[in-house]
Amino acid sequence: MSRFDQQKHPDVTVHESAYVDEPCEIGAGTKIWHFSHIMANSKLGLKCNIGQNVVISPDVILGNNVKVQNNVSIYTGVILEDDVFCGPSMVFTNVSTPRSEIIRRGEYQQTLVKRGASMGANSTIVCPVEIGRFAFVGAGAVVAKDVLDYALVVGVPAKRIGWMCRCGIRLPDIGTHQFTCPACNNEYQQSNESVSPLKEVQGHG
């Protein structure tokens, strides 16, 4: 374990109590806060914010502008695309049948969190799952199956109770196949059990 080498990452801010193991990739503008540990062969994109007491394990991939709040461990097998939000103390897993006496290192399973998804405080993501674009996992939810794009899921186990706009506001549930966000006027359509955008203006393309 080695302290952060500022010369290798000149445009990255790392608190003096954090550890960054080499080799790893960290994009410009990323900030890593108190007592966090970035392990070797991980990859962090541009302008990420890594809170206190966060562990990012080997081979984890974070896209650009990922925000990881305090006390989150991101284990090998987890991939977070751009603009993902991880709430405080939320949990990932990478082995579905763990035993202390049995080595499962060759059996890590993948969790893919797609662009713009948010996972609330104390939620748990049970591998292997895929969380769709701009989906929203409520605080304390336990996700054990795939989550659709724009879906709002809550509970134990997590179930869909509605749809979310890209801006983070719940879309009105009025029994129609088209929705307009009351906050930003983004427009969406529902077809069977999926939602897709008709007009979206947030983000950076």
N, C-alpha and C. Protein backbone atom coordinates (compact mmCIF):
# COMPACT_ATOMS: atom_id res chain seq x y z
N MET A 1 0.85 -1.18 0.00
CA MET A 1 0.00 0.00 0.00
C MET A 1 0.89 1.24 0.00
N SER A 2 0.56 2.18 -0.85
CA SER A 2 1.42 3.35 -1.01
C SER A 2 0.61 4.63 -0.90
N ARG A 3 1.25 5.67 -0.43
CA ARG A 3 0.61 6.97 -0.40
C ARG A 3 0.46 7.53 -1.81
N PHE A 4 -0.39 8.51 -1.92
CA PHE A 4 -0.71 9.09 -3.23
C PHE A 4 0.50 9.80 -3.83
N ASP A 5 0.73 9.55 -5.11
CA ASP A 5 1.81 10.20 -5.84
C ASP A 5 1.21 11.32 -6.69
N GLN A 6 1.31 12.54 -6.21
CA GLN A 6 0.70 13.69 -6.88
C GLN A 6 1.27 13.90 -8.28
N GLN A 7 2.52 13.53 -8.49
CA GLN A 7 3.13 13.73 -9.80
C GLN A 7 2.48 12.86 -10.87
N LYS A 8 1.98 11.69 -10.49
CA LYS A 8 1.32 10.82 -11.46
C LYS A 8 -0.10 11.30 -11.77
N HIS A 9 -0.68 12.05 -10.86
CA HIS A 9 -2.06 12.50 -11.03
C HIS A 9 -2.14 13.98 -10.65
N PRO A 10 -1.59 14.85 -11.47
CA PRO A 10 -1.43 16.26 -11.08
C PRO A 10 -2.75 17.01 -10.92
N ASP A 11 -3.82 16.54 -11.54
CA ASP A 11 -5.09 17.27 -11.50
C ASP A 11 -6.11 16.59 -10.60
N VAL A 12 -5.65 15.79 -9.65
CA VAL A 12 -6.52 15.06 -8.74
C VAL A 12 -6.27 15.56 -7.32
N THR A 13 -7.34 15.69 -6.54
CA THR A 13 -7.22 16.12 -5.14
C THR A 13 -7.44 14.92 -4.24
N VAL A 14 -6.46 14.64 -3.37
CA VAL A 14 -6.54 13.50 -2.46
C VAL A 14 -6.19 13.96 -1.06
N HIS A 15 -7.06 13.66 -0.10
CA HIS A 15 -6.77 14.03 1.28
C HIS A 15 -5.56 13.25 1.79
N GLU A 16 -4.80 13.84 2.69
CA GLU A 16 -3.56 13.22 3.17
C GLU A 16 -3.79 11.92 3.92
N SER A 17 -5.00 11.66 4.39
CA SER A 17 -5.28 10.41 5.10
C SER A 17 -5.67 9.27 4.17
N ALA A 18 -5.90 9.55 2.89
CA ALA A 18 -6.33 8.53 1.93
C ALA A 18 -5.13 7.78 1.37
N TYR A 19 -5.39 6.58 0.85
CA TYR A 19 -4.37 5.77 0.19
C TYR A 19 -4.79 5.53 -1.26
N VAL A 20 -3.82 5.63 -2.16
CA VAL A 20 -4.04 5.33 -3.57
C VAL A 20 -2.93 4.37 -4.01
N ASP A 21 -3.31 3.15 -4.38
CA ASP A 21 -2.34 2.14 -4.80
C ASP A 21 -2.11 2.24 -6.30
N GLU A 22 -0.87 2.04 -6.70
CA GLU A 22 -0.53 2.05 -8.12
C GLU A 22 -0.31 0.63 -8.63
N PRO A 23 -0.63 0.38 -9.91
CA PRO A 23 -1.13 1.36 -10.88
C PRO A 23 -2.65 1.52 -10.79
N CYS A 24 -3.11 2.71 -11.09
CA CYS A 24 -4.54 2.97 -11.22
C CYS A 24 -4.72 4.18 -12.13
N GLU A 25 -5.95 4.39 -12.58
CA GLU A 25 -6.26 5.54 -13.43
C GLU A 25 -7.25 6.43 -12.69
N ILE A 26 -6.94 7.71 -12.60
CA ILE A 26 -7.84 8.66 -11.95
C ILE A 26 -7.94 9.89 -12.84
N GLY A 27 -9.15 10.23 -13.24
CA GLY A 27 -9.35 11.33 -14.17
C GLY A 27 -9.20 12.69 -13.51
N ALA A 28 -8.87 13.66 -14.32
CA ALA A 28 -8.69 15.03 -13.85
C ALA A 28 -9.94 15.55 -13.17
N GLY A 29 -9.74 16.31 -12.10
CA GLY A 29 -10.85 16.90 -11.37
C GLY A 29 -11.47 16.02 -10.32
N THR A 30 -11.03 14.79 -10.23
CA THR A 30 -11.57 13.87 -9.20
C THR A 30 -11.05 14.25 -7.83
N LYS A 31 -11.92 14.10 -6.81
CA LYS A 31 -11.56 14.39 -5.43
C LYS A 31 -11.78 13.15 -4.57
N ILE A 32 -10.79 12.84 -3.73
CA ILE A 32 -10.85 11.66 -2.86
C ILE A 32 -10.64 12.14 -1.43
N TRP A 33 -11.62 11.84 -0.56
CA TRP A 33 -11.62 12.44 0.77
C TRP A 33 -11.09 11.50 1.85
N HIS A 34 -11.26 11.89 3.09
CA HIS A 34 -10.60 11.30 4.27
C HIS A 34 -10.76 9.78 4.35
N PHE A 35 -9.65 9.10 4.64
CA PHE A 35 -9.61 7.68 5.01
C PHE A 35 -10.09 6.73 3.92
N SER A 36 -10.12 7.19 2.68
CA SER A 36 -10.54 6.32 1.59
C SER A 36 -9.35 5.59 0.99
N HIS A 37 -9.64 4.47 0.31
CA HIS A 37 -8.59 3.62 -0.25
C HIS A 37 -8.95 3.25 -1.68
N ILE A 38 -8.14 3.70 -2.61
CA ILE A 38 -8.29 3.37 -4.03
C ILE A 38 -7.26 2.28 -4.33
N MET A 39 -7.73 1.10 -4.68
CA MET A 39 -6.83 -0.04 -4.84
C MET A 39 -6.31 -0.14 -6.27
N ALA A 40 -5.23 -0.91 -6.42
CA ALA A 40 -4.53 -1.02 -7.70
C ALA A 40 -5.46 -1.53 -8.80
N ASN A 41 -5.21 -1.04 -10.01
CA ASN A 41 -5.90 -1.46 -11.23
C ASN A 41 -7.36 -1.02 -11.29
N SER A 42 -7.74 -0.12 -10.40
CA SER A 42 -9.07 0.48 -10.53
C SER A 42 -8.99 1.67 -11.49
N LYS A 43 -10.15 2.07 -11.99
CA LYS A 43 -10.20 3.15 -12.96
C LYS A 43 -11.31 4.11 -12.58
N LEU A 44 -10.96 5.36 -12.33
CA LEU A 44 -11.91 6.40 -11.98
C LEU A 44 -11.89 7.47 -13.07
N GLY A 45 -13.07 7.90 -13.49
CA GLY A 45 -13.15 8.87 -14.57
C GLY A 45 -12.95 10.30 -14.11
N LEU A 46 -13.34 11.23 -14.97
CA LEU A 46 -13.18 12.65 -14.71
C LEU A 46 -14.19 13.13 -13.67
N LYS A 47 -13.75 14.06 -12.82
CA LYS A 47 -14.62 14.81 -11.92
C LYS A 47 -15.48 13.92 -11.03
N CYS A 48 -14.92 12.82 -10.56
CA CYS A 48 -15.62 11.99 -9.58
C CYS A 48 -15.42 12.59 -8.19
N ASN A 49 -16.34 12.29 -7.30
CA ASN A 49 -16.20 12.72 -5.91
C ASN A 49 -16.34 11.49 -5.01
N ILE A 50 -15.25 11.15 -4.33
CA ILE A 50 -15.19 9.95 -3.50
C ILE A 50 -15.18 10.40 -2.04
N GLY A 51 -16.23 10.10 -1.30
CA GLY A 51 -16.39 10.60 0.06
C GLY A 51 -15.48 9.93 1.07
N GLN A 52 -15.77 10.15 2.34
CA GLN A 52 -14.94 9.58 3.42
C GLN A 52 -15.17 8.07 3.57
N ASN A 53 -14.08 7.39 3.92
CA ASN A 53 -14.15 5.96 4.27
C ASN A 53 -14.74 5.11 3.14
N VAL A 54 -14.31 5.39 1.93
CA VAL A 54 -14.73 4.63 0.75
C VAL A 54 -13.60 3.70 0.32
N VAL A 55 -13.95 2.47 -0.06
CA VAL A 55 -12.98 1.53 -0.62
C VAL A 55 -13.39 1.22 -2.06
N ILE A 56 -12.45 1.36 -2.98
CA ILE A 56 -12.66 0.99 -4.38
C ILE A 56 -11.68 -0.12 -4.70
N SER A 57 -12.20 -1.31 -4.96
CA SER A 57 -11.39 -2.52 -5.09
C SER A 57 -10.74 -2.63 -6.46
N PRO A 58 -9.79 -3.56 -6.62
CA PRO A 58 -9.13 -3.74 -7.91
C PRO A 58 -10.10 -4.01 -9.04
N ASP A 59 -9.80 -3.42 -10.19
CA ASP A 59 -10.52 -3.63 -11.44
C ASP A 59 -11.92 -3.00 -11.47
N VAL A 60 -12.29 -2.28 -10.43
CA VAL A 60 -13.55 -1.53 -10.47
C VAL A 60 -13.42 -0.40 -11.49
N ILE A 61 -14.51 -0.11 -12.19
CA ILE A 61 -14.53 0.97 -13.19
C ILE A 61 -15.61 1.97 -12.82
N LEU A 62 -15.22 3.23 -12.69
CA LEU A 62 -16.14 4.33 -12.49
C LEU A 62 -16.05 5.26 -13.68
N GLY A 63 -17.21 5.67 -14.20
CA GLY A 63 -17.23 6.63 -15.30
C GLY A 63 -16.97 8.04 -14.82
N ASN A 64 -17.35 9.01 -15.62
CA ASN A 64 -17.15 10.41 -15.27
C ASN A 64 -18.26 10.92 -14.35
N ASN A 65 -17.89 11.86 -13.47
CA ASN A 65 -18.86 12.54 -12.61
C ASN A 65 -19.65 11.58 -11.73
N VAL A 66 -19.00 10.52 -11.27
CA VAL A 66 -19.62 9.59 -10.32
C VAL A 66 -19.45 10.15 -8.91
N LYS A 67 -20.53 10.15 -8.13
CA LYS A 67 -20.48 10.63 -6.76
C LYS A 67 -20.72 9.47 -5.80
N VAL A 68 -19.72 9.22 -4.96
CA VAL A 68 -19.79 8.13 -3.98
C VAL A 68 -19.76 8.75 -2.59
N GLN A 69 -20.86 8.62 -1.86
CA GLN A 69 -20.95 9.21 -0.53
C GLN A 69 -20.20 8.36 0.50
N ASN A 70 -20.19 8.81 1.75
CA ASN A 70 -19.37 8.19 2.80
C ASN A 70 -19.74 6.73 3.05
N ASN A 71 -18.71 5.94 3.41
CA ASN A 71 -18.87 4.57 3.91
C ASN A 71 -19.40 3.60 2.87
N VAL A 72 -18.97 3.74 1.63
CA VAL A 72 -19.37 2.81 0.56
C VAL A 72 -18.16 2.01 0.12
N SER A 73 -18.34 0.69 -0.02
CA SER A 73 -17.30 -0.18 -0.58
C SER A 73 -17.76 -0.66 -1.95
N ILE A 74 -16.92 -0.42 -2.96
CA ILE A 74 -17.24 -0.82 -4.33
C ILE A 74 -16.30 -1.96 -4.70
N TYR A 75 -16.85 -3.16 -4.81
CA TYR A 75 -16.05 -4.36 -4.93
C TYR A 75 -15.77 -4.74 -6.38
N THR A 76 -14.72 -5.53 -6.57
CA THR A 76 -14.37 -6.04 -7.90
C THR A 76 -15.59 -6.67 -8.56
N GLY A 77 -15.84 -6.29 -9.80
CA GLY A 77 -17.01 -6.76 -10.53
C GLY A 77 -18.06 -5.69 -10.72
N VAL A 78 -17.90 -4.55 -10.01
CA VAL A 78 -18.86 -3.46 -10.12
C VAL A 78 -18.38 -2.46 -11.17
N ILE A 79 -19.29 -2.06 -12.04
CA ILE A 79 -19.03 -1.04 -13.05
C ILE A 79 -20.09 0.04 -12.90
N LEU A 80 -19.66 1.28 -12.71
CA LEU A 80 -20.56 2.42 -12.63
C LEU A 80 -20.32 3.33 -13.82
N GLU A 81 -21.35 3.55 -14.62
CA GLU A 81 -21.22 4.43 -15.77
C GLU A 81 -21.26 5.90 -15.33
N ASP A 82 -21.22 6.82 -16.28
CA ASP A 82 -21.18 8.24 -15.98
C ASP A 82 -22.38 8.67 -15.13
N ASP A 83 -22.13 9.65 -14.24
CA ASP A 83 -23.18 10.36 -13.51
C ASP A 83 -23.95 9.49 -12.52
N VAL A 84 -23.37 8.39 -12.10
CA VAL A 84 -24.03 7.54 -11.09
C VAL A 84 -23.85 8.15 -9.71
N PHE A 85 -24.88 8.00 -8.87
CA PHE A 85 -24.86 8.49 -7.48
C PHE A 85 -25.01 7.31 -6.54
N CYS A 86 -24.05 7.17 -5.60
CA CYS A 86 -24.09 6.14 -4.56
C CYS A 86 -24.32 6.83 -3.22
N GLY A 87 -25.47 6.61 -2.61
CA GLY A 87 -25.81 7.26 -1.36
C GLY A 87 -25.00 6.73 -0.18
N PRO A 88 -25.04 7.45 0.95
CA PRO A 88 -24.24 7.07 2.11
C PRO A 88 -24.52 5.65 2.59
N SER A 89 -23.45 4.90 2.81
CA SER A 89 -23.51 3.56 3.42
C SER A 89 -24.29 2.54 2.59
N MET A 90 -24.51 2.81 1.29
CA MET A 90 -25.15 1.78 0.46
C MET A 90 -24.14 0.66 0.21
N VAL A 91 -24.64 -0.50 -0.20
CA VAL A 91 -23.82 -1.72 -0.22
C VAL A 91 -23.89 -2.41 -1.58
N PHE A 92 -22.73 -2.78 -2.09
CA PHE A 92 -22.64 -3.68 -3.23
C PHE A 92 -22.18 -5.06 -2.74
N THR A 93 -22.52 -6.10 -3.50
CA THR A 93 -21.95 -7.42 -3.27
C THR A 93 -21.35 -7.92 -4.58
N ASN A 94 -20.44 -8.90 -4.50
CA ASN A 94 -19.89 -9.49 -5.73
C ASN A 94 -19.82 -11.01 -5.69
N VAL A 95 -20.33 -11.62 -4.63
CA VAL A 95 -20.43 -13.07 -4.52
C VAL A 95 -21.81 -13.39 -3.98
N SER A 96 -22.54 -14.30 -4.64
CA SER A 96 -23.91 -14.58 -4.23
C SER A 96 -24.01 -15.64 -3.14
N THR A 97 -22.97 -16.48 -2.99
CA THR A 97 -23.01 -17.53 -1.97
C THR A 97 -21.70 -17.53 -1.16
N PRO A 98 -21.45 -16.47 -0.40
CA PRO A 98 -20.17 -16.36 0.31
C PRO A 98 -20.06 -17.34 1.48
N ARG A 99 -18.85 -17.88 1.68
CA ARG A 99 -18.49 -18.66 2.85
C ARG A 99 -17.10 -18.24 3.26
N SER A 100 -16.89 -18.04 4.54
CA SER A 100 -15.57 -17.62 5.00
C SER A 100 -14.49 -18.65 4.70
N GLU A 101 -14.85 -19.94 4.77
CA GLU A 101 -13.85 -20.99 4.61
C GLU A 101 -13.62 -21.39 3.15
N ILE A 102 -14.38 -20.82 2.22
CA ILE A 102 -14.25 -21.19 0.80
C ILE A 102 -13.85 -19.94 0.01
N ILE A 103 -12.78 -20.06 -0.74
CA ILE A 103 -12.30 -18.94 -1.56
C ILE A 103 -13.18 -18.80 -2.79
N ARG A 104 -13.79 -17.64 -2.96
CA ARG A 104 -14.66 -17.37 -4.10
C ARG A 104 -14.05 -16.36 -5.07
N ARG A 105 -12.75 -16.12 -4.95
CA ARG A 105 -12.13 -15.03 -5.71
C ARG A 105 -12.31 -15.19 -7.20
N GLY A 106 -12.39 -16.43 -7.70
CA GLY A 106 -12.58 -16.64 -9.13
C GLY A 106 -14.04 -16.64 -9.55
N GLU A 107 -14.94 -16.31 -8.62
CA GLU A 107 -16.37 -16.38 -8.90
C GLU A 107 -17.06 -15.03 -8.75
N TYR A 108 -16.29 -13.95 -8.78
CA TYR A 108 -16.91 -12.63 -8.65
C TYR A 108 -17.92 -12.41 -9.76
N GLN A 109 -19.06 -11.86 -9.41
CA GLN A 109 -20.13 -11.60 -10.37
C GLN A 109 -20.25 -10.10 -10.63
N GLN A 110 -20.78 -9.77 -11.78
CA GLN A 110 -20.80 -8.37 -12.21
C GLN A 110 -22.10 -7.67 -11.83
N THR A 111 -21.95 -6.45 -11.40
CA THR A 111 -23.06 -5.52 -11.25
C THR A 111 -22.77 -4.31 -12.14
N LEU A 112 -23.70 -4.00 -13.03
CA LEU A 112 -23.57 -2.86 -13.92
C LEU A 112 -24.62 -1.82 -13.56
N VAL A 113 -24.15 -0.63 -13.23
CA VAL A 113 -25.06 0.49 -12.94
C VAL A 113 -24.92 1.48 -14.10
N LYS A 114 -25.99 1.67 -14.82
CA LYS A 114 -25.93 2.47 -16.04
C LYS A 114 -26.03 3.96 -15.75
N ARG A 115 -25.77 4.72 -16.77
CA ARG A 115 -25.61 6.16 -16.65
C ARG A 115 -26.76 6.83 -15.90
N GLY A 116 -26.39 7.69 -14.95
CA GLY A 116 -27.35 8.56 -14.29
C GLY A 116 -28.17 7.92 -13.19
N ALA A 117 -27.98 6.64 -12.92
CA ALA A 117 -28.77 5.97 -11.88
C ALA A 117 -28.36 6.47 -10.50
N SER A 118 -29.32 6.46 -9.57
CA SER A 118 -29.08 6.85 -8.18
C SER A 118 -29.47 5.72 -7.26
N MET A 119 -28.63 5.47 -6.25
CA MET A 119 -28.90 4.45 -5.24
C MET A 119 -28.90 5.11 -3.88
N GLY A 120 -30.03 5.07 -3.20
CA GLY A 120 -30.21 5.82 -1.97
C GLY A 120 -29.43 5.27 -0.80
N ALA A 121 -29.41 6.04 0.28
CA ALA A 121 -28.68 5.67 1.49
C ALA A 121 -29.12 4.31 2.01
N ASN A 122 -28.12 3.50 2.38
CA ASN A 122 -28.35 2.18 2.99
C ASN A 122 -29.04 1.18 2.08
N SER A 123 -29.13 1.46 0.79
CA SER A 123 -29.65 0.44 -0.12
C SER A 123 -28.61 -0.64 -0.32
N THR A 124 -29.07 -1.83 -0.73
CA THR A 124 -28.20 -2.98 -0.95
C THR A 124 -28.43 -3.52 -2.35
N ILE A 125 -27.35 -3.72 -3.09
CA ILE A 125 -27.42 -4.22 -4.46
C ILE A 125 -26.83 -5.63 -4.47
N VAL A 126 -27.68 -6.64 -4.66
CA VAL A 126 -27.26 -8.03 -4.60
C VAL A 126 -26.90 -8.52 -6.00
N CYS A 127 -25.65 -8.91 -6.19
CA CYS A 127 -25.17 -9.33 -7.51
C CYS A 127 -25.80 -10.65 -7.94
N PRO A 128 -25.83 -10.96 -9.24
CA PRO A 128 -25.48 -10.07 -10.36
C PRO A 128 -26.74 -9.36 -10.86
N VAL A 129 -26.68 -8.05 -10.97
CA VAL A 129 -27.83 -7.30 -11.46
C VAL A 129 -27.37 -6.17 -12.37
N GLU A 130 -28.33 -5.61 -13.08
CA GLU A 130 -28.10 -4.43 -13.91
C GLU A 130 -29.13 -3.38 -13.53
N ILE A 131 -28.65 -2.19 -13.23
CA ILE A 131 -29.54 -1.08 -12.87
C ILE A 131 -29.55 -0.12 -14.05
N GLY A 132 -30.75 0.15 -14.55
CA GLY A 132 -30.89 0.87 -15.80
C GLY A 132 -30.58 2.36 -15.72
N ARG A 133 -30.53 2.99 -16.88
CA ARG A 133 -30.23 4.41 -17.00
C ARG A 133 -31.24 5.25 -16.22
N PHE A 134 -30.72 6.16 -15.41
CA PHE A 134 -31.53 7.12 -14.66
C PHE A 134 -32.56 6.45 -13.74
N ALA A 135 -32.34 5.19 -13.42
CA ALA A 135 -33.19 4.52 -12.43
C ALA A 135 -32.92 5.13 -11.05
N PHE A 136 -33.85 4.88 -10.12
CA PHE A 136 -33.74 5.43 -8.78
C PHE A 136 -34.07 4.34 -7.77
N VAL A 137 -33.07 3.98 -6.95
CA VAL A 137 -33.25 2.97 -5.91
C VAL A 137 -33.46 3.71 -4.59
N GLY A 138 -34.61 3.51 -3.96
CA GLY A 138 -34.93 4.24 -2.74
C GLY A 138 -34.05 3.84 -1.56
N ALA A 139 -33.97 4.71 -0.58
CA ALA A 139 -33.18 4.45 0.62
C ALA A 139 -33.63 3.15 1.29
N GLY A 140 -32.66 2.31 1.64
CA GLY A 140 -32.93 1.08 2.35
C GLY A 140 -33.44 -0.07 1.50
N ALA A 141 -33.63 0.14 0.20
CA ALA A 141 -34.13 -0.93 -0.66
C ALA A 141 -33.10 -2.03 -0.84
N VAL A 142 -33.56 -3.25 -1.09
CA VAL A 142 -32.69 -4.37 -1.40
C VAL A 142 -33.00 -4.84 -2.82
N VAL A 143 -32.06 -4.59 -3.72
CA VAL A 143 -32.24 -4.90 -5.14
C VAL A 143 -31.64 -6.27 -5.42
N ALA A 144 -32.47 -7.21 -5.86
CA ALA A 144 -32.00 -8.57 -6.15
C ALA A 144 -32.32 -8.99 -7.58
N LYS A 145 -32.84 -8.07 -8.39
CA LYS A 145 -33.07 -8.36 -9.81
C LYS A 145 -32.90 -7.07 -10.59
N ASP A 146 -32.81 -7.18 -11.91
CA ASP A 146 -32.53 -6.02 -12.75
C ASP A 146 -33.58 -4.93 -12.57
N VAL A 147 -33.12 -3.69 -12.71
CA VAL A 147 -33.99 -2.52 -12.58
C VAL A 147 -34.05 -1.83 -13.94
N LEU A 148 -35.24 -1.51 -14.40
CA LEU A 148 -35.43 -0.91 -15.72
C LEU A 148 -34.95 0.54 -15.75
N ASP A 149 -34.67 1.03 -16.94
CA ASP A 149 -34.37 2.45 -17.13
C ASP A 149 -35.51 3.30 -16.53
N TYR A 150 -35.15 4.36 -15.83
CA TYR A 150 -36.08 5.34 -15.26
C TYR A 150 -36.99 4.79 -14.16
N ALA A 151 -36.81 3.54 -13.78
CA ALA A 151 -37.70 2.95 -12.77
C ALA A 151 -37.38 3.49 -11.38
N LEU A 152 -38.42 3.67 -10.57
CA LEU A 152 -38.29 3.97 -9.15
C LEU A 152 -38.62 2.69 -8.39
N VAL A 153 -37.65 2.15 -7.65
CA VAL A 153 -37.86 0.93 -6.89
C VAL A 153 -37.61 1.18 -5.41
N VAL A 154 -38.44 0.57 -4.57
CA VAL A 154 -38.30 0.71 -3.12
C VAL A 154 -38.65 -0.63 -2.48
N GLY A 155 -38.25 -0.79 -1.21
CA GLY A 155 -38.69 -1.93 -0.42
C GLY A 155 -37.73 -3.08 -0.38
N VAL A 156 -38.14 -4.13 0.36
CA VAL A 156 -37.35 -5.34 0.55
C VAL A 156 -38.26 -6.55 0.28
N PRO A 157 -38.08 -7.24 -0.86
CA PRO A 157 -37.17 -6.89 -1.96
C PRO A 157 -37.70 -5.68 -2.74
N ALA A 158 -36.82 -5.03 -3.47
CA ALA A 158 -37.20 -3.82 -4.20
C ALA A 158 -38.20 -4.13 -5.30
N LYS A 159 -39.23 -3.28 -5.37
CA LYS A 159 -40.24 -3.39 -6.42
C LYS A 159 -40.48 -2.02 -7.03
N ARG A 160 -40.82 -2.02 -8.32
CA ARG A 160 -41.08 -0.75 -8.99
C ARG A 160 -42.42 -0.18 -8.54
N ILE A 161 -42.39 1.11 -8.13
CA ILE A 161 -43.63 1.78 -7.74
C ILE A 161 -43.93 2.97 -8.63
N GLY A 162 -43.05 3.25 -9.58
CA GLY A 162 -43.27 4.38 -10.46
C GLY A 162 -42.09 4.59 -11.39
N TRP A 163 -42.07 5.79 -12.00
CA TRP A 163 -41.01 6.15 -12.94
C TRP A 163 -40.43 7.50 -12.53
N MET A 164 -39.14 7.70 -12.82
CA MET A 164 -38.44 8.93 -12.46
C MET A 164 -37.96 9.67 -13.69
N CYS A 165 -38.07 10.99 -13.64
CA CYS A 165 -37.47 11.82 -14.68
C CYS A 165 -35.96 11.81 -14.54
N ARG A 166 -35.30 12.14 -15.62
CA ARG A 166 -33.85 12.28 -15.57
C ARG A 166 -33.41 13.32 -14.54
N CYS A 167 -34.23 14.31 -14.28
CA CYS A 167 -33.86 15.35 -13.32
C CYS A 167 -34.02 14.91 -11.87
N GLY A 168 -34.58 13.71 -11.64
CA GLY A 168 -34.70 13.19 -10.28
C GLY A 168 -36.04 13.42 -9.64
N ILE A 169 -37.05 13.85 -10.39
CA ILE A 169 -38.40 14.05 -9.89
C ILE A 169 -39.28 12.90 -10.37
N ARG A 170 -40.15 12.42 -9.47
CA ARG A 170 -41.04 11.32 -9.85
C ARG A 170 -42.04 11.80 -10.90
N LEU A 171 -42.22 10.99 -11.93
CA LEU A 171 -43.17 11.32 -12.99
C LEU A 171 -44.59 11.05 -12.51
N PRO A 172 -45.55 11.83 -12.96
CA PRO A 172 -46.93 11.64 -12.51
C PRO A 172 -47.49 10.29 -12.95
N ASP A 173 -48.24 9.67 -12.04
CA ASP A 173 -48.84 8.37 -12.31
C ASP A 173 -50.32 8.61 -12.61
N ILE A 174 -50.61 8.88 -13.86
CA ILE A 174 -51.98 9.26 -14.22
C ILE A 174 -52.60 8.27 -15.20
N GLY A 175 -51.98 7.11 -15.35
CA GLY A 175 -52.58 6.06 -16.16
C GLY A 175 -52.50 6.27 -17.65
N THR A 176 -51.64 7.17 -18.10
CA THR A 176 -51.49 7.39 -19.54
C THR A 176 -50.17 6.80 -20.01
N HIS A 177 -49.95 6.82 -21.30
CA HIS A 177 -48.73 6.28 -21.88
C HIS A 177 -47.71 7.36 -22.18
N GLN A 178 -48.02 8.61 -21.85
CA GLN A 178 -47.07 9.70 -22.00
C GLN A 178 -47.03 10.51 -20.71
N PHE A 179 -45.82 10.98 -20.35
CA PHE A 179 -45.62 11.70 -19.11
C PHE A 179 -44.85 12.98 -19.41
N THR A 180 -45.18 14.04 -18.68
CA THR A 180 -44.40 15.26 -18.69
C THR A 180 -43.95 15.56 -17.27
N CYS A 181 -42.66 15.76 -17.09
CA CYS A 181 -42.13 16.04 -15.76
C CYS A 181 -42.66 17.39 -15.27
N PRO A 182 -43.23 17.45 -14.07
CA PRO A 182 -43.76 18.72 -13.58
C PRO A 182 -42.68 19.72 -13.22
N ALA A 183 -41.43 19.26 -13.08
CA ALA A 183 -40.35 20.16 -12.68
C ALA A 183 -39.58 20.75 -13.86
N CYS A 184 -39.34 19.94 -14.89
CA CYS A 184 -38.45 20.40 -15.97
C CYS A 184 -39.05 20.26 -17.37
N ASN A 185 -40.26 19.69 -17.45
CA ASN A 185 -40.97 19.52 -18.73
C ASN A 185 -40.34 18.52 -19.67
N ASN A 186 -39.41 17.69 -19.17
CA ASN A 186 -38.99 16.55 -19.98
C ASN A 186 -40.21 15.68 -20.29
N GLU A 187 -40.20 15.01 -21.44
CA GLU A 187 -41.33 14.20 -21.87
C GLU A 187 -40.90 12.76 -22.09
N TYR A 188 -41.76 11.83 -21.69
CA TYR A 188 -41.47 10.39 -21.77
C TYR A 188 -42.69 9.65 -22.28
N GLN A 189 -42.44 8.46 -22.80
CA GLN A 189 -43.54 7.58 -23.19
C GLN A 189 -43.33 6.20 -22.59
N GLN A 190 -44.44 5.54 -22.26
CA GLN A 190 -44.38 4.20 -21.72
C GLN A 190 -44.92 3.23 -22.75
N SER A 191 -44.17 2.13 -22.96
CA SER A 191 -44.59 1.07 -23.85
C SER A 191 -44.42 -0.24 -23.11
N ASN A 192 -45.54 -0.91 -22.85
CA ASN A 192 -45.53 -2.12 -22.02
C ASN A 192 -44.92 -1.77 -20.66
N GLU A 193 -43.80 -2.39 -20.30
CA GLU A 193 -43.18 -2.15 -19.00
C GLU A 193 -41.86 -1.40 -19.14
N SER A 194 -41.76 -0.49 -20.07
CA SER A 194 -40.54 0.30 -20.23
C SER A 194 -40.89 1.74 -20.53
N VAL A 195 -39.97 2.64 -20.17
CA VAL A 195 -40.15 4.07 -20.42
C VAL A 195 -38.96 4.57 -21.23
N SER A 196 -39.23 5.43 -22.20
CA SER A 196 -38.17 6.03 -23.00
C SER A 196 -38.44 7.51 -23.17
N PRO A 197 -37.39 8.32 -23.36
CA PRO A 197 -37.58 9.77 -23.46
C PRO A 197 -38.10 10.20 -24.82
N LEU A 198 -38.99 11.18 -24.80
CA LEU A 198 -39.40 11.87 -26.02
C LEU A 198 -38.64 13.19 -26.16
N LYS A 199 -38.41 13.85 -25.01
CA LYS A 199 -37.64 15.09 -24.99
C LYS A 199 -36.92 15.18 -23.65
N GLU A 200 -35.59 15.29 -23.71
CA GLU A 200 -34.78 15.41 -22.50
C GLU A 200 -33.73 16.49 -22.72
N VAL A 201 -33.54 17.34 -21.71
CA VAL A 201 -32.63 18.46 -21.90
C VAL A 201 -31.49 18.50 -20.88
N GLN A 202 -31.54 17.69 -19.80
CA GLN A 202 -30.48 17.76 -18.81
C GLN A 202 -29.19 17.14 -19.31
N GLY A 203 -28.14 17.36 -18.52
CA GLY A 203 -26.89 16.65 -18.76
C GLY A 203 -26.03 17.31 -19.80
N HIS A 204 -25.03 16.54 -20.21
CA HIS A 204 -24.01 17.07 -21.10
C HIS A 204 -23.85 16.23 -22.34
N GLY A 205 -24.95 15.63 -22.81
CA GLY A 205 -24.93 14.92 -24.07
C GLY A 205 -24.60 13.46 -23.98
